């Protein structure tokens, strides 16, 4: 299916919000994390719903693999916690 924008009523959107809240609670720098629709590829006019960090090293947080893990594979609290841990462990995350 691939990366795309999510409807606010989709279960995947709720999972994104839960991951964003977990990242925000764990932020040692007071960063805010929000679920937003942004460009994945501006040249192709390709939008996706992802997590964006605000207030500290602002950026899109997820890579396509992490997006897929949240949307397709993380179906319980333990799996979502594992995704959060993997995001925070990424060398490019930058809010540790």
PDB file of N, CA and C in Angstrom:
ATOM      1  N   UNK A   1       0.822  -1.184   0.000  1.00  0.00           N
ATOM      2  CA  UNK A   1       0.000   0.000   0.000  1.00  0.00           C
ATOM      3  C   UNK A   1       0.863   1.243   0.000  1.00  0.00           C
ATOM      4  N   UNK A   2       1.865   1.345   0.806  1.00  0.00           N
ATOM      5  CA  UNK A   2       2.780   2.472   0.782  1.00  0.00           C
ATOM      6  C   UNK A   2       2.339   3.644   1.647  1.00  0.00           C
ATOM      7  N   UNK A   3       3.262   4.552   1.832  1.00  0.00           N
ATOM      8  CA  UNK A   3       3.024   5.708   2.674  1.00  0.00           C
ATOM      9  C   UNK A   3       1.968   6.604   2.048  1.00  0.00           C
ATOM     10  N   UNK A   4       1.088   7.132   2.896  1.00  0.00           N
ATOM     11  CA  UNK A   4      -0.019   7.950   2.424  1.00  0.00           C
ATOM     12  C   UNK A   4      -0.526   8.806   3.578  1.00  0.00           C
ATOM     13  N   UNK A   5      -1.456   9.659   3.287  1.00  0.00           N
ATOM     14  CA  UNK A   5      -2.112  10.391   4.366  1.00  0.00           C
ATOM     15  C   UNK A   5      -3.155   9.481   5.003  1.00  0.00           C
ATOM     16  N   UNK A   6      -3.331   9.659   6.288  1.00  0.00           N
ATOM     17  CA  UNK A   6      -4.286   8.863   7.056  1.00  0.00           C
ATOM     18  C   UNK A   6      -5.464   9.742   7.453  1.00  0.00           C
ATOM     19  N   UNK A   7      -6.628   9.144   7.493  1.00  0.00           N
ATOM     20  CA  UNK A   7      -7.811   9.843   7.999  1.00  0.00           C
ATOM     21  C   UNK A   7      -7.778   9.814   9.521  1.00  0.00           C
ATOM     22  N   UNK A   8      -8.251  10.884  10.137  1.00  0.00           N
ATOM     23  CA  UNK A   8      -8.251  10.962  11.607  1.00  0.00           C
ATOM     24  C   UNK A   8      -9.079   9.846  12.244  1.00  0.00           C
ATOM     25  N   UNK A   9      -9.989   9.256  11.509  1.00  0.00           N
ATOM     26  CA  UNK A   9     -10.845   8.197  12.037  1.00  0.00           C
ATOM     27  C   UNK A   9     -10.214   6.813  11.938  1.00  0.00           C
ATOM     28  N   UNK A  10      -9.077   6.706  11.259  1.00  0.00           N
ATOM     29  CA  UNK A  10      -8.420   5.404  11.102  1.00  0.00           C
ATOM     30  C   UNK A  10      -7.692   4.997  12.380  1.00  0.00           C
ATOM     31  N   UNK A  11      -7.686   3.709  12.617  1.00  0.00           N
ATOM     32  CA  UNK A  11      -6.947   3.173  13.765  1.00  0.00           C
ATOM     33  C   UNK A  11      -5.455   3.527  13.667  1.00  0.00           C
ATOM     34  N   UNK A  12      -4.912   3.519  12.460  1.00  0.00           N
ATOM     35  CA  UNK A  12      -3.500   3.850  12.264  1.00  0.00           C
ATOM     36  C   UNK A  12      -3.197   5.268  12.727  1.00  0.00           C
ATOM     37  N   UNK A  13      -4.127   6.188  12.543  1.00  0.00           N
ATOM     38  CA  UNK A  13      -3.927   7.567  12.986  1.00  0.00           C
ATOM     39  C   UNK A  13      -3.843   7.615  14.515  1.00  0.00           C
ATOM     40  N   UNK A  14      -4.730   6.882  15.170  1.00  0.00           N
ATOM     41  CA  UNK A  14      -4.697   6.814  16.632  1.00  0.00           C
ATOM     42  C   UNK A  14      -3.369   6.244  17.115  1.00  0.00           C
ATOM     43  N   UNK A  15      -2.860   5.223  16.433  1.00  0.00           N
ATOM     44  CA  UNK A  15      -1.570   4.652  16.818  1.00  0.00           C
ATOM     45  C   UNK A  15      -0.461   5.682  16.655  1.00  0.00           C
ATOM     46  N   UNK A  16      -0.512   6.476  15.587  1.00  0.00           N
ATOM     47  CA  UNK A  16       0.468   7.559  15.401  1.00  0.00           C
ATOM     48  C   UNK A  16       0.410   8.535  16.577  1.00  0.00           C
ATOM     49  N   UNK A  17      -0.811   8.896  16.984  1.00  0.00           N
ATOM     50  CA  UNK A  17      -0.959   9.822  18.112  1.00  0.00           C
ATOM     51  C   UNK A  17      -0.384   9.235  19.394  1.00  0.00           C
ATOM     52  N   UNK A  18      -0.576   7.947  19.632  1.00  0.00           N
ATOM     53  CA  UNK A  18      -0.029   7.304  20.825  1.00  0.00           C
ATOM     54  C   UNK A  18       1.501   7.317  20.806  1.00  0.00           C
ATOM     55  N   UNK A  19       2.082   7.033  19.662  1.00  0.00           N
ATOM     56  CA  UNK A  19       3.547   7.065  19.539  1.00  0.00           C
ATOM     57  C   UNK A  19       4.052   8.489  19.753  1.00  0.00           C
ATOM     58  N   UNK A  20       3.381   9.473  19.166  1.00  0.00           N
ATOM     59  CA  UNK A  20       3.786  10.873  19.338  1.00  0.00           C
ATOM     60  C   UNK A  20       3.740  11.272  20.808  1.00  0.00           C
ATOM     61  N   UNK A  21       2.703  10.880  21.507  1.00  0.00           N
ATOM     62  CA  UNK A  21       2.582  11.222  22.930  1.00  0.00           C
ATOM     63  C   UNK A  21       3.686  10.547  23.745  1.00  0.00           C
ATOM     64  N   UNK A  22       3.995   9.301  23.423  1.00  0.00           N
ATOM     65  CA  UNK A  22       5.067   8.593  24.135  1.00  0.00           C
ATOM     66  C   UNK A  22       6.415   9.270  23.899  1.00  0.00           C
ATOM     67  N   UNK A  23       6.676   9.693  22.665  1.00  0.00           N
ATOM     68  CA  UNK A  23       7.923  10.396  22.369  1.00  0.00           C
ATOM     69  C   UNK A  23       7.997  11.715  23.125  1.00  0.00           C
ATOM     70  N   UNK A  24       6.886  12.415  23.190  1.00  0.00           N
ATOM     71  CA  UNK A  24       6.841  13.694  23.898  1.00  0.00           C
ATOM     72  C   UNK A  24       7.092  13.505  25.396  1.00  0.00           C
ATOM     73  N   UNK A  25       6.480  12.487  25.983  1.00  0.00           N
ATOM     74  CA  UNK A  25       6.677  12.228  27.413  1.00  0.00           C
ATOM     75  C   UNK A  25       8.115  11.832  27.734  1.00  0.00           C
ATOM     76  N   UNK A  26       8.783  11.191  26.787  1.00  0.00           N
ATOM     77  CA  UNK A  26      10.158  10.738  27.004  1.00  0.00           C
ATOM     78  C   UNK A  26      11.203  11.789  26.626  1.00  0.00           C
ATOM     79  N   UNK A  27      10.790  12.902  26.059  1.00  0.00           N
ATOM     80  CA  UNK A  27      11.746  13.904  25.577  1.00  0.00           C
ATOM     81  C   UNK A  27      12.466  14.603  26.729  1.00  0.00           C
ATOM     82  N   UNK A  28      13.786  14.501  26.773  1.00  0.00           N
ATOM     83  CA  UNK A  28      14.529  15.216  27.803  1.00  0.00           C
ATOM     84  C   UNK A  28      14.687  16.704  27.480  1.00  0.00           C
ATOM     85  N   UNK A  29      14.304  17.090  26.276  1.00  0.00           N
ATOM     86  CA  UNK A  29      14.489  18.468  25.812  1.00  0.00           C
ATOM     87  C   UNK A  29      13.191  19.251  25.700  1.00  0.00           C
ATOM     88  N   UNK A  30      12.096  18.671  26.156  1.00  0.00           N
ATOM     89  CA  UNK A  30      10.814  19.350  26.104  1.00  0.00           C
ATOM     90  C   UNK A  30      10.237  19.478  24.704  1.00  0.00           C
ATOM     91  N   UNK A  31      10.653  18.616  23.799  1.00  0.00           N
ATOM     92  CA  UNK A  31      10.142  18.659  22.429  1.00  0.00           C
ATOM     93  C   UNK A  31       8.671  18.267  22.415  1.00  0.00           C
ATOM     94  N   UNK A  32       7.956  18.830  21.460  1.00  0.00           N
ATOM     95  CA  UNK A  32       6.559  18.495  21.238  1.00  0.00           C
ATOM     96  C   UNK A  32       6.478  17.661  19.966  1.00  0.00           C
ATOM     97  N   UNK A  33       5.671  16.624  19.987  1.00  0.00           N
ATOM     98  CA  UNK A  33       5.503  15.731  18.848  1.00  0.00           C
ATOM     99  C   UNK A  33       4.045  15.767  18.412  1.00  0.00           C
ATOM    100  N   UNK A  34       3.826  15.983  17.114  1.00  0.00           N
ATOM    101  CA  UNK A  34       2.483  16.101  16.572  1.00  0.00           C
ATOM    102  C   UNK A  34       2.339  15.238  15.325  1.00  0.00           C
ATOM    103  N   UNK A  35       1.153  14.705  15.133  1.00  0.00           N
ATOM    104  CA  UNK A  35       0.833  13.963  13.920  1.00  0.00           C
ATOM    105  C   UNK A  35       0.353  14.982  12.890  1.00  0.00           C
ATOM    106  N   UNK A  36       1.008  14.988  11.725  1.00  0.00           N
ATOM    107  CA  UNK A  36       0.704  15.983  10.702  1.00  0.00           C
ATOM    108  C   UNK A  36       0.817  15.367   9.311  1.00  0.00           C
ATOM    109  N   UNK A  37       0.132  15.994   8.360  1.00  0.00           N
ATOM    110  CA  UNK A  37       0.297  15.643   6.957  1.00  0.00           C
ATOM    111  C   UNK A  37       1.358  16.566   6.372  1.00  0.00           C
ATOM    112  N   UNK A  38       2.429  15.983   5.867  1.00  0.00           N
ATOM    113  CA  UNK A  38       3.537  16.747   5.287  1.00  0.00           C
ATOM    114  C   UNK A  38       4.011  16.037   4.027  1.00  0.00           C
ATOM    115  N   UNK A  39       4.898  16.692   3.296  1.00  0.00           N
ATOM    116  CA  UNK A  39       5.444  16.080   2.086  1.00  0.00           C
ATOM    117  C   UNK A  39       6.435  14.976   2.429  1.00  0.00           C
ATOM    118  N   UNK A  40       6.236  13.841   1.794  1.00  0.00           N
ATOM    119  CA  UNK A  40       7.246  12.792   1.787  1.00  0.00           C
ATOM    120  C   UNK A  40       8.192  13.055   0.620  1.00  0.00           C
ATOM    121  N   UNK A  41       7.626  13.497  -0.501  1.00  0.00           N
ATOM    122  CA  UNK A  41       8.400  13.855  -1.678  1.00  0.00           C
ATOM    123  C   UNK A  41       7.706  15.025  -2.366  1.00  0.00           C
ATOM    124  N   UNK A  42       8.266  16.207  -2.197  1.00  0.00           N
ATOM    125  CA  UNK A  42       7.657  17.421  -2.741  1.00  0.00           C
ATOM    126  C   UNK A  42       7.567  17.376  -4.258  1.00  0.00           C
ATOM    127  N   UNK A  43       8.607  16.899  -4.908  1.00  0.00           N
ATOM    128  CA  UNK A  43       8.647  16.855  -6.366  1.00  0.00           C
ATOM    129  C   UNK A  43       7.543  15.989  -6.965  1.00  0.00           C
ATOM    130  N   UNK A  44       7.158  14.946  -6.254  1.00  0.00           N
ATOM    131  CA  UNK A  44       6.084  14.071  -6.722  1.00  0.00           C
ATOM    132  C   UNK A  44       4.729  14.465  -6.141  1.00  0.00           C
ATOM    133  N   UNK A  45       4.709  15.535  -5.331  1.00  0.00           N
ATOM    134  CA  UNK A  45       3.481  15.966  -4.653  1.00  0.00           C
ATOM    135  C   UNK A  45       2.890  14.817  -3.827  1.00  0.00           C
ATOM    136  N   UNK A  46       3.782  14.098  -3.110  1.00  0.00           N
ATOM    137  CA  UNK A  46       3.419  12.914  -2.344  1.00  0.00           C
ATOM    138  C   UNK A  46       3.384  13.294  -0.865  1.00  0.00           C
ATOM    139  N   UNK A  47       2.192  13.277  -0.305  1.00  0.00           N
ATOM    140  CA  UNK A  47       2.004  13.614   1.115  1.00  0.00           C
ATOM    141  C   UNK A  47       1.865  12.328   1.929  1.00  0.00           C
ATOM    142  N   UNK A  48       2.206  12.444   3.208  1.00  0.00           N
ATOM    143  CA  UNK A  48       1.971  11.342   4.137  1.00  0.00           C
ATOM    144  C   UNK A  48       1.677  11.903   5.509  1.00  0.00           C
ATOM    145  N   UNK A  49       1.034  11.099   6.305  1.00  0.00           N
ATOM    146  CA  UNK A  49       0.785  11.439   7.699  1.00  0.00           C
ATOM    147  C   UNK A  49       1.933  10.853   8.493  1.00  0.00           C
ATOM    148  N   UNK A  50       2.625  11.712   9.238  1.00  0.00           N
ATOM    149  CA  UNK A  50       3.782  11.264  10.000  1.00  0.00           C
ATOM    150  C   UNK A  50       3.854  12.038  11.312  1.00  0.00           C
ATOM    151  N   UNK A  51       4.891  11.813  12.064  1.00  0.00           N
ATOM    152  CA  UNK A  51       5.109  12.509  13.330  1.00  0.00           C
ATOM    153  C   UNK A  51       6.176  13.570  13.102  1.00  0.00           C
ATOM    154  N   UNK A  52       5.874  14.776  13.552  1.00  0.00           N
ATOM    155  CA  UNK A  52       6.786  15.907  13.385  1.00  0.00           C
ATOM    156  C   UNK A  52       7.161  16.433  14.766  1.00  0.00           C
ATOM    157  N   UNK A  53       8.470  16.667  14.956  1.00  0.00           N
ATOM    158  CA  UNK A  53       8.967  17.226  16.227  1.00  0.00           C
ATOM    159  C   UNK A  53       9.001  18.745  16.110  1.00  0.00           C
ATOM    160  N   UNK A  54       8.524  19.416  17.167  1.00  0.00           N
ATOM    161  CA  UNK A  54       8.520  20.880  17.237  1.00  0.00           C
ATOM    162  C   UNK A  54       9.247  21.335  18.506  1.00  0.00           C
ATOM    163  N   UNK A  55       9.861  22.485  18.421  1.00  0.00           N
ATOM    164  CA  UNK A  55      10.450  23.098  19.605  1.00  0.00           C
ATOM    165  C   UNK A  55      11.880  22.695  19.910  1.00  0.00           C
ATOM    166  N   UNK A  56      12.358  21.640  19.321  1.00  0.00           N
ATOM    167  CA  UNK A  56      13.735  21.190  19.525  1.00  0.00           C
ATOM    168  C   UNK A  56      14.143  20.392  18.295  1.00  0.00           C
ATOM    169  N   UNK A  57      15.101  20.908  17.536  1.00  0.00           N
ATOM    170  CA  UNK A  57      15.560  20.232  16.322  1.00  0.00           C
ATOM    171  C   UNK A  57      14.367  19.755  15.495  1.00  0.00           C
ATOM    172  N   UNK A  58      13.587  20.703  15.025  1.00  0.00           N
ATOM    173  CA  UNK A  58      12.348  20.384  14.324  1.00  0.00           C
ATOM    174  C   UNK A  58      12.605  19.557  13.073  1.00  0.00           C
ATOM    175  N   UNK A  59      11.815  18.500  12.918  1.00  0.00           N
ATOM    176  CA  UNK A  59      11.966  17.614  11.779  1.00  0.00           C
ATOM    177  C   UNK A  59      10.838  16.597  11.732  1.00  0.00           C
ATOM    178  N   UNK A  60      10.755  15.904  10.596  1.00  0.00           N
ATOM    179  CA  UNK A  60       9.915  14.719  10.521  1.00  0.00           C
ATOM    180  C   UNK A  60      10.659  13.610  11.261  1.00  0.00           C
ATOM    181  N   UNK A  61       9.958  12.851  12.055  1.00  0.00           N
ATOM    182  CA  UNK A  61      10.612  11.879  12.929  1.00  0.00           C
ATOM    183  C   UNK A  61      10.724  10.493  12.298  1.00  0.00           C
ATOM    184  N   UNK A  62       9.720  10.066  11.582  1.00  0.00           N
ATOM    185  CA  UNK A  62       9.668   8.685  11.112  1.00  0.00           C
ATOM    186  C   UNK A  62      10.350   8.487   9.766  1.00  0.00           C
ATOM    187  N   UNK A  63      10.961   7.324   9.620  1.00  0.00           N
ATOM    188  CA  UNK A  63      11.377   6.884   8.295  1.00  0.00           C
ATOM    189  C   UNK A  63      10.281   5.946   7.776  1.00  0.00           C
ATOM    190  N   UNK A  64      10.298   5.609   6.489  1.00  0.00           N
ATOM    191  CA  UNK A  64       9.228   4.759   5.957  1.00  0.00           C
ATOM    192  C   UNK A  64       9.066   3.416   6.677  1.00  0.00           C
ATOM    193  N   UNK A  65      10.137   2.833   7.122  1.00  0.00           N
ATOM    194  CA  UNK A  65      10.034   1.546   7.843  1.00  0.00           C
ATOM    195  C   UNK A  65       9.301   1.719   9.169  1.00  0.00           C
ATOM    196  N   UNK A  66       9.630   2.772   9.915  1.00  0.00           N
ATOM    197  CA  UNK A  66       8.953   3.024  11.185  1.00  0.00           C
ATOM    198  C   UNK A  66       7.473   3.322  10.952  1.00  0.00           C
ATOM    199  N   UNK A  67       7.176   4.046   9.863  1.00  0.00           N
ATOM    200  CA  UNK A  67       5.789   4.339   9.510  1.00  0.00           C
ATOM    201  C   UNK A  67       5.026   3.037   9.292  1.00  0.00           C
ATOM    202  N   UNK A  68       5.609   2.126   8.518  1.00  0.00           N
ATOM    203  CA  UNK A  68       4.973   0.833   8.265  1.00  0.00           C
ATOM    204  C   UNK A  68       4.799   0.031   9.550  1.00  0.00           C
ATOM    205  N   UNK A  69       5.798   0.066  10.419  1.00  0.00           N
ATOM    206  CA  UNK A  69       5.686  -0.658  11.690  1.00  0.00           C
ATOM    207  C   UNK A  69       4.481  -0.171  12.486  1.00  0.00           C
ATOM    208  N   UNK A  70       4.275   1.140  12.533  1.00  0.00           N
ATOM    209  CA  UNK A  70       3.141   1.688  13.272  1.00  0.00           C
ATOM    210  C   UNK A  70       1.828   1.352  12.573  1.00  0.00           C
ATOM    211  N   UNK A  71       1.746   1.633  11.296  1.00  0.00           N
ATOM    212  CA  UNK A  71       0.487   1.508  10.557  1.00  0.00           C
ATOM    213  C   UNK A  71       0.052   0.055  10.376  1.00  0.00           C
ATOM    214  N   UNK A  72       0.982  -0.835  10.042  1.00  0.00           N
ATOM    215  CA  UNK A  72       0.612  -2.196   9.662  1.00  0.00           C
ATOM    216  C   UNK A  72       0.872  -3.261  10.725  1.00  0.00           C
ATOM    217  N   UNK A  73       1.885  -3.093  11.562  1.00  0.00           N
ATOM    218  CA  UNK A  73       2.317  -4.208  12.399  1.00  0.00           C
ATOM    219  C   UNK A  73       2.119  -4.035  13.900  1.00  0.00           C
ATOM    220  N   UNK A  74       2.139  -2.832  14.402  1.00  0.00           N
ATOM    221  CA  UNK A  74       2.021  -2.614  15.849  1.00  0.00           C
ATOM    222  C   UNK A  74       0.547  -2.650  16.250  1.00  0.00           C
ATOM    223  N   UNK A  75       0.102  -3.796  16.767  1.00  0.00           N
ATOM    224  CA  UNK A  75      -1.312  -3.965  17.080  1.00  0.00           C
ATOM    225  C   UNK A  75      -1.623  -4.037  18.571  1.00  0.00           C
ATOM    226  N   UNK A  76      -0.633  -3.806  19.411  1.00  0.00           N
ATOM    227  CA  UNK A  76      -0.898  -3.776  20.857  1.00  0.00           C
ATOM    228  C   UNK A  76       0.092  -2.825  21.523  1.00  0.00           C
ATOM    229  N   UNK A  77      -0.098  -2.597  22.809  1.00  0.00           N
ATOM    230  CA  UNK A  77       0.726  -1.628  23.541  1.00  0.00           C
ATOM    231  C   UNK A  77       2.200  -2.021  23.534  1.00  0.00           C
ATOM    232  N   UNK A  78       2.482  -3.297  23.665  1.00  0.00           N
ATOM    233  CA  UNK A  78       3.869  -3.751  23.676  1.00  0.00           C
ATOM    234  C   UNK A  78       4.545  -3.460  22.334  1.00  0.00           C
ATOM    235  N   UNK A  79       3.856  -3.739  21.241  1.00  0.00           N
ATOM    236  CA  UNK A  79       4.419  -3.495  19.913  1.00  0.00           C
ATOM    237  C   UNK A  79       4.640  -1.996  19.688  1.00  0.00           C
ATOM    238  N   UNK A  80       3.712  -1.155  20.146  1.00  0.00           N
ATOM    239  CA  UNK A  80       3.894   0.292  20.003  1.00  0.00           C
ATOM    240  C   UNK A  80       5.071   0.779  20.840  1.00  0.00           C
ATOM    241  N   UNK A  81       5.230   0.222  22.041  1.00  0.00           N
ATOM    242  CA  UNK A  81       6.364   0.590  22.883  1.00  0.00           C
ATOM    243  C   UNK A  81       7.683   0.197  22.221  1.00  0.00           C
ATOM    244  N   UNK A  82       7.708  -0.939  21.551  1.00  0.00           N
ATOM    245  CA  UNK A  82       8.898  -1.371  20.833  1.00  0.00           C
ATOM    246  C   UNK A  82       9.220  -0.403  19.704  1.00  0.00           C
ATOM    247  N   UNK A  83       8.197   0.060  18.991  1.00  0.00           N
ATOM    248  CA  UNK A  83       8.405   1.044  17.921  1.00  0.00           C
ATOM    249  C   UNK A  83       9.002   2.325  18.502  1.00  0.00           C
ATOM    250  N   UNK A  84       8.460   2.790  19.628  1.00  0.00           N
ATOM    251  CA  UNK A  84       8.982   4.004  20.270  1.00  0.00           C
ATOM    252  C   UNK A  84      10.449   3.803  20.644  1.00  0.00           C
ATOM    253  N   UNK A  85      10.776   2.668  21.221  1.00  0.00           N
ATOM    254  CA  UNK A  85      12.168   2.381  21.588  1.00  0.00           C
ATOM    255  C   UNK A  85      13.076   2.382  20.357  1.00  0.00           C
ATOM    256  N   UNK A  86      12.601   1.793  19.267  1.00  0.00           N
ATOM    257  CA  UNK A  86      13.402   1.754  18.043  1.00  0.00           C
ATOM    258  C   UNK A  86      13.603   3.152  17.451  1.00  0.00           C
ATOM    259  N   UNK A  87      12.578   3.977  17.494  1.00  0.00           N
ATOM    260  CA  UNK A  87      12.701   5.354  17.006  1.00  0.00           C
ATOM    261  C   UNK A  87      13.738   6.103  17.831  1.00  0.00           C
ATOM    262  N   UNK A  88      13.647   5.987  19.146  1.00  0.00           N
ATOM    263  CA  UNK A  88      14.561   6.709  20.030  1.00  0.00           C
ATOM    264  C   UNK A  88      15.993   6.190  19.921  1.00  0.00           C
ATOM    265  N   UNK A  89      16.164   4.932  19.534  1.00  0.00           N
ATOM    266  CA  UNK A  89      17.506   4.344  19.412  1.00  0.00           C
ATOM    267  C   UNK A  89      18.179   4.682  18.085  1.00  0.00           C
ATOM    268  N   UNK A  90      17.411   5.183  17.125  1.00  0.00           N
ATOM    269  CA  UNK A  90      17.977   5.506  15.815  1.00  0.00           C
ATOM    270  C   UNK A  90      19.035   6.590  15.956  1.00  0.00           C
ATOM    271  N   UNK A  91      20.163   6.430  15.292  1.00  0.00           N
ATOM    272  CA  UNK A  91      21.261   7.394  15.434  1.00  0.00           C
ATOM    273  C   UNK A  91      20.905   8.774  14.916  1.00  0.00           C
ATOM    274  N   UNK A  92      19.887   8.901  14.106  1.00  0.00           N
ATOM    275  CA  UNK A  92      19.496  10.201  13.572  1.00  0.00           C
ATOM    276  C   UNK A  92      18.339  10.856  14.351  1.00  0.00           C
ATOM    277  N   UNK A  93      17.852  10.189  15.390  1.00  0.00           N
ATOM    278  CA  UNK A  93      16.690  10.699  16.126  1.00  0.00           C
ATOM    279  C   UNK A  93      16.961  12.066  16.743  1.00  0.00           C
ATOM    280  N   UNK A  94      18.004  12.204  17.526  1.00  0.00           N
ATOM    281  CA  UNK A  94      18.451  13.504  18.006  1.00  0.00           C
ATOM    282  C   UNK A  94      17.742  14.127  19.180  1.00  0.00           C
ATOM    283  N   UNK A  95      16.861  13.408  19.878  1.00  0.00           N
ATOM    284  CA  UNK A  95      16.196  13.962  21.079  1.00  0.00           C
ATOM    285  C   UNK A  95      16.396  13.001  22.238  1.00  0.00           C
ATOM    286  N   UNK A  96      17.641  12.712  22.506  1.00  0.00           N
ATOM    287  CA  UNK A  96      17.981  11.796  23.610  1.00  0.00           C
ATOM    288  C   UNK A  96      18.779  12.508  24.674  1.00  0.00           C
TER     289      UNK A  96
END
